[in-house]
Protein backbone atom coordinates (compact mmCIF):
# COMPACT_ATOMS: atom_id res chain seq x y z
CA MET A 1 -192.93 124.37 -8.16
CA THR A 2 -194.67 125.73 -5.06
CA TYR A 3 -198.37 126.61 -5.21
CA ARG A 4 -199.07 129.81 -3.24
CA VAL A 5 -202.40 130.70 -1.59
CA SER A 6 -203.17 133.93 0.29
CA PHE A 7 -206.32 134.57 2.36
CA VAL A 8 -207.51 138.19 2.53
CA CYS A 9 -209.99 140.00 4.78
CA THR A 10 -210.13 143.64 5.89
CA GLY A 11 -207.65 144.06 8.74
CA ASN A 12 -205.91 140.67 8.71
CA ILE A 13 -206.57 140.00 12.39
CA CYS A 14 -209.75 137.85 12.39
CA ARG A 15 -211.06 135.99 9.37
CA SER A 16 -207.98 135.69 7.16
CA PRO A 17 -205.59 134.53 9.90
CA MET A 18 -208.21 131.97 10.97
CA ALA A 19 -208.49 130.73 7.38
CA GLU A 20 -204.70 130.69 7.05
CA SER A 21 -204.30 128.59 10.21
CA VAL A 22 -207.00 126.09 9.28
CA PHE A 23 -205.84 125.70 5.70
CA ARG A 24 -202.18 125.40 6.69
CA ALA A 25 -203.20 122.53 9.00
CA ARG A 26 -205.20 120.87 6.18
CA VAL A 27 -202.24 121.20 3.82
CA ALA A 28 -199.93 119.58 6.39
CA GLU A 29 -202.42 116.77 7.12
CA ALA A 30 -202.61 116.06 3.38
CA GLY A 31 -198.82 115.87 3.12
CA LEU A 32 -198.70 118.87 0.80
CA ASP A 33 -196.73 121.26 3.00
CA GLY A 34 -193.74 120.99 0.68
CA LEU A 35 -195.87 121.84 -2.35
CA VAL A 36 -198.24 124.50 -0.98
CA GLU A 37 -197.47 127.76 0.85
CA VAL A 38 -200.20 129.57 2.77
CA ASP A 39 -200.32 133.14 4.11
CA SER A 40 -202.80 135.95 4.73
CA ALA A 41 -203.17 139.72 4.47
CA GLY A 42 -205.71 142.52 4.76
CA THR A 43 -207.13 144.97 2.25
CA ASP A 44 -206.38 147.75 4.73
CA GLY A 45 -203.29 148.42 6.83
CA TRP A 46 -204.98 149.43 10.09
CA HIS A 47 -203.44 146.58 12.06
CA ASP A 48 -200.04 146.18 10.33
CA GLY A 49 -197.71 144.28 12.65
CA ASP A 50 -200.43 143.35 15.17
CA GLY A 51 -201.10 139.78 16.18
CA ALA A 52 -204.41 138.08 15.50
CA ASP A 53 -207.42 139.16 17.56
CA PRO A 54 -207.25 137.35 20.93
CA ARG A 55 -210.73 135.93 20.33
CA ALA A 56 -209.60 134.41 17.02
CA VAL A 57 -206.55 132.95 18.73
CA ALA A 58 -208.68 131.50 21.55
CA VAL A 59 -211.10 129.82 19.13
CA LEU A 60 -208.27 128.46 17.00
CA GLU A 61 -206.42 127.08 20.03
CA GLU A 62 -209.62 125.58 21.43
CA HIS A 63 -210.00 123.62 18.19
CA GLY A 64 -206.37 122.53 17.96
CA TYR A 65 -205.02 125.12 15.53
CA GLY A 66 -201.99 127.28 16.15
CA THR A 67 -201.36 130.78 14.94
CA ASP A 68 -198.16 132.73 14.74
CA HIS A 69 -199.38 135.84 13.03
CA ALA A 70 -198.52 139.46 12.27
CA ALA A 71 -201.04 141.48 10.26
CA ARG A 72 -200.01 143.03 6.97
CA ARG A 73 -201.63 144.81 4.06
CA PHE A 74 -202.03 143.06 0.72
CA GLN A 75 -199.87 144.54 -2.04
CA ALA A 76 -200.79 144.45 -5.74
CA SER A 77 -197.23 143.37 -6.56
CA TRP A 78 -197.88 140.05 -4.76
CA PHE A 79 -200.23 138.86 -7.51
CA SER A 80 -197.25 137.85 -9.64
CA ARG A 81 -196.08 135.30 -7.06
CA LEU A 82 -199.51 134.04 -5.95
CA ASP A 83 -201.56 131.32 -7.60
CA LEU A 84 -204.78 131.84 -5.67
CA VAL A 85 -206.07 134.79 -3.63
CA ILE A 86 -208.95 133.83 -1.36
CA ALA A 87 -211.27 136.68 -0.36
CA LEU A 88 -213.36 136.21 2.78
CA ASP A 89 -216.26 138.33 1.51
CA SER A 90 -217.51 139.95 -1.69
CA GLY A 91 -216.19 143.38 -0.65
CA HIS A 92 -212.68 141.96 -0.38
CA ARG A 93 -213.08 140.21 -3.74
CA LYS A 94 -214.09 143.49 -5.39
CA THR A 95 -211.17 145.38 -3.81
CA LEU A 96 -208.67 142.68 -4.77
CA ARG A 97 -209.88 142.48 -8.35
CA ARG A 98 -209.51 146.27 -8.65
CA LEU A 99 -205.94 145.97 -7.31
CA ALA A 100 -205.03 143.23 -9.77
CA PRO A 101 -202.53 144.51 -12.36
CA THR A 102 -203.90 142.21 -15.10
CA GLU A 103 -207.09 140.36 -15.94
CA GLU A 104 -205.19 137.10 -15.37
CA ASP A 105 -204.36 138.28 -11.84
CA ALA A 106 -207.99 139.28 -11.22
CA GLN A 107 -209.03 135.73 -12.14
CA LYS A 108 -206.89 134.41 -9.27
CA VAL A 109 -209.32 135.97 -6.75
CA ARG A 110 -212.00 133.62 -5.40
CA LEU A 111 -214.42 133.66 -2.48
CA LEU A 112 -213.60 131.12 0.23
CA ARG A 113 -217.14 129.84 0.60
CA SER A 114 -217.38 129.12 -3.12
CA TYR A 115 -215.47 125.94 -2.19
CA ASP A 116 -218.25 124.84 0.21
CA PRO A 117 -220.99 123.02 -1.73
CA ASP A 118 -223.43 123.59 1.17
CA ALA A 119 -222.86 127.37 1.40
CA GLY A 120 -225.87 128.33 -0.69
CA ASP A 121 -226.08 131.78 -2.25
CA ASP A 122 -224.46 133.78 0.58
CA LEU A 123 -220.75 133.28 0.10
CA ASP A 124 -219.56 135.94 2.56
CA VAL A 125 -217.91 135.00 5.85
CA PRO A 126 -219.36 137.59 8.29
CA ASP A 127 -216.88 139.80 10.14
CA PRO A 128 -216.83 138.66 13.79
CA TYR A 129 -214.79 141.65 15.02
CA TYR A 130 -217.65 143.69 16.50
CA GLY A 131 -219.46 140.74 18.05
CA GLY A 132 -218.85 138.10 20.65
CA MET A 133 -217.15 134.72 20.66
CA ASP A 134 -220.06 133.10 18.83
CA GLY A 135 -219.12 135.06 15.70
CA PHE A 136 -215.58 133.67 15.84
CA GLU A 137 -216.95 130.15 16.28
CA GLU A 138 -219.24 130.67 13.28
CA CYS A 139 -216.30 131.99 11.25
CA LEU A 140 -214.25 128.90 12.10
CA GLU A 141 -217.12 126.60 11.10
CA MET A 142 -217.43 128.34 7.72
CA VAL A 143 -213.68 128.22 7.15
CA GLU A 144 -213.48 124.53 8.02
CA ALA A 145 -216.45 123.69 5.78
CA ALA A 146 -214.87 125.42 2.78
CA SER A 147 -211.38 124.04 3.42
CA THR A 148 -212.22 120.56 2.17
CA GLY A 149 -213.21 121.77 -1.30
CA LEU A 150 -210.40 124.28 -1.41
CA LEU A 151 -207.86 121.61 -0.50
CA ALA A 152 -209.14 119.35 -3.28
CA ALA A 153 -208.79 122.16 -5.83
CA VAL A 154 -205.34 123.18 -4.60
CA ARG A 155 -204.14 119.56 -4.42
CA GLU A 156 -205.09 119.02 -8.06
CA GLU A 157 -203.22 122.15 -9.15
CA ALA A 158 -200.17 121.59 -6.93
CA GLU A 159 -199.76 117.92 -7.77
CA GLY A 160 -200.24 118.70 -11.47
CA ARG A 161 -197.24 121.00 -11.30
CA ALA A 162 -195.11 118.45 -9.46
CA ILE A 163 -195.50 115.88 -12.22
């Protein structure tokens, strides 16, 4: 049975597509691409159908990640098919938990940086949209740092289902 993970930020053009690209690469490197599906969405629909922010794409490509992306808005009905919903900041987590049709669905929502043991108390990935390239680089660093712990957690769940 496939394990499904969705990354969610505000507009689905910066943070969540970056997290999706990095985590998809980690899943493939781990040989789990047949067991784990990865996607992303936004809490708002401002950019529906748009590609990722060109700065996000440039940073991803510079670090060897690809992205084939079209922004979309997260729908409450998706909870039933998702195993894990990864919020990029506490505002997204709050919005997603309000959208969740059941308490079980609300428990599927986690903050990305909660998977980074070195993150400290601030678990938000700052929005790089209104800044320069350094914000996108910082976002990528945070996503990569959290991806190791997230992959370990997802691997355990996905492989447990495959047995």
